[in-house]
Amino acid sequence: MGAATDREFLAKYLTYTLDGGVAERIKCRALVCEATDDLFFNGDGETQPEPRRLHERLTGPKTLLSFTAEEGAAAHCHVGAQRLVTARVFDWLDETL
């Protein structure tokens, strides 16, 4: 990102976004995972969760995997169910590649 310091990197990182048509230009196959009880990306009750918004905006082949509390994978980064998540991601990779 061309930053000379850690602080400068973090400042630049905050401006990075997939808005402004960036997400729509992604044409390769994409896997988007969501945690249904994610504290950071779960929406505000009026907007959809961030993973779903991204999935809708992608224009290439895409898959949305939802991980739930029943699976033990509803938290951010699917903490508590890494084996399940890894298995499903590798299944997607096997089917896709």
Protein backbone atom coordinates (compact mmCIF):
# COMPACT_ATOMS: atom_id res chain seq x y z
CA MET A 1 0.00 0.00 0.00
CA GLY A 2 3.05 2.22 -0.19
CA ALA A 3 3.11 3.14 3.50
CA ALA A 4 6.40 4.06 5.16
CA THR A 5 5.25 3.34 8.72
CA ASP A 6 2.76 1.13 10.56
CA ARG A 7 0.70 4.20 11.43
CA GLU A 8 0.60 5.34 7.81
CA PHE A 9 -0.44 1.81 6.73
CA LEU A 10 -3.35 1.82 9.20
CA ALA A 11 -4.46 5.24 7.98
CA LYS A 12 -4.40 4.05 4.36
CA TYR A 13 -6.11 0.78 5.31
CA LEU A 14 -9.09 2.69 6.70
CA THR A 15 -9.74 4.22 3.28
CA TYR A 16 -9.77 0.82 1.49
CA THR A 17 -13.26 -0.16 0.37
CA LEU A 18 -15.06 -2.27 -2.19
CA ASP A 19 -17.52 0.57 -2.79
CA GLY A 20 -17.55 2.74 -5.88
CA GLY A 21 -17.85 -0.14 -8.31
CA VAL A 22 -14.81 -2.09 -7.08
CA ALA A 23 -16.77 -5.16 -5.95
CA GLU A 24 -18.66 -5.21 -9.23
CA ARG A 25 -15.38 -5.50 -11.17
CA ILE A 26 -14.44 -8.78 -9.44
CA LYS A 27 -15.00 -11.39 -12.15
CA CYS A 28 -13.21 -14.46 -10.76
CA ARG A 29 -15.01 -17.14 -8.77
CA ALA A 30 -15.50 -15.93 -5.24
CA LEU A 31 -16.42 -17.50 -1.93
CA VAL A 32 -18.01 -15.24 0.68
CA CYS A 33 -18.50 -16.59 4.20
CA GLU A 34 -20.80 -15.11 6.79
CA ALA A 35 -21.23 -15.71 10.49
CA THR A 36 -24.87 -15.15 11.36
CA ASP A 37 -24.07 -13.56 14.75
CA ASP A 38 -20.96 -11.63 13.68
CA LEU A 39 -20.37 -8.68 16.01
CA PHE A 40 -18.56 -6.65 13.35
CA PHE A 41 -20.25 -7.34 10.02
CA ASN A 42 -23.82 -8.29 10.91
CA GLY A 43 -25.57 -5.14 9.74
CA ASP A 44 -27.52 -2.72 11.89
CA GLY A 45 -31.00 -4.15 11.58
CA GLU A 46 -31.78 -1.86 8.64
CA THR A 47 -29.01 -3.00 6.32
CA GLN A 48 -27.98 -6.48 5.31
CA PRO A 49 -24.86 -8.01 6.83
CA GLU A 50 -21.68 -7.01 5.01
CA PRO A 51 -20.97 -10.48 3.54
CA ARG A 52 -24.45 -10.60 1.97
CA ARG A 53 -24.06 -7.08 0.56
CA LEU A 54 -20.73 -8.06 -0.97
CA HIS A 55 -22.15 -11.30 -2.37
CA GLU A 56 -24.99 -9.42 -4.06
CA ARG A 57 -22.58 -6.95 -5.68
CA LEU A 58 -20.19 -9.53 -7.12
CA THR A 59 -20.79 -10.07 -10.83
CA GLY A 60 -18.77 -13.24 -11.40
CA PRO A 61 -19.51 -16.76 -10.25
CA LYS A 62 -20.06 -16.64 -6.49
CA THR A 63 -21.01 -18.71 -3.48
CA LEU A 64 -22.24 -17.57 -0.08
CA LEU A 65 -21.65 -19.90 2.86
CA SER A 66 -23.57 -19.09 6.03
CA PHE A 67 -22.37 -20.43 9.36
CA THR A 68 -24.84 -20.58 12.22
CA ALA A 69 -25.01 -20.82 15.99
CA GLU A 70 -26.39 -24.34 15.68
CA GLU A 71 -23.12 -25.30 14.01
CA GLY A 72 -21.10 -23.42 16.62
CA ALA A 73 -19.80 -21.12 13.89
CA ALA A 74 -21.90 -17.96 14.17
CA ALA A 75 -19.20 -15.76 15.74
CA HIS A 76 -16.76 -13.52 13.87
CA CYS A 77 -14.21 -15.67 12.00
CA HIS A 78 -16.33 -18.69 12.98
CA VAL A 79 -14.51 -19.14 16.27
CA GLY A 80 -15.43 -22.47 17.80
CA ALA A 81 -15.95 -24.32 14.55
CA GLN A 82 -12.73 -24.06 12.61
CA ARG A 83 -12.81 -27.72 11.55
CA LEU A 84 -16.31 -27.30 10.08
CA VAL A 85 -15.41 -24.07 8.31
CA THR A 86 -12.18 -25.49 6.93
CA ALA A 87 -14.01 -28.55 5.63
CA ARG A 88 -16.68 -26.48 3.89
CA VAL A 89 -14.12 -24.09 2.39
CA PHE A 90 -12.02 -27.00 1.12
CA ASP A 91 -15.16 -28.63 -0.29
CA TRP A 92 -15.82 -25.40 -2.20
CA LEU A 93 -12.21 -25.35 -3.42
CA ASP A 94 -12.48 -28.98 -4.57
CA GLU A 95 -15.66 -28.20 -6.53
CA THR A 96 -14.36 -24.91 -7.91
CA LEU A 97 -10.79 -25.69 -8.87
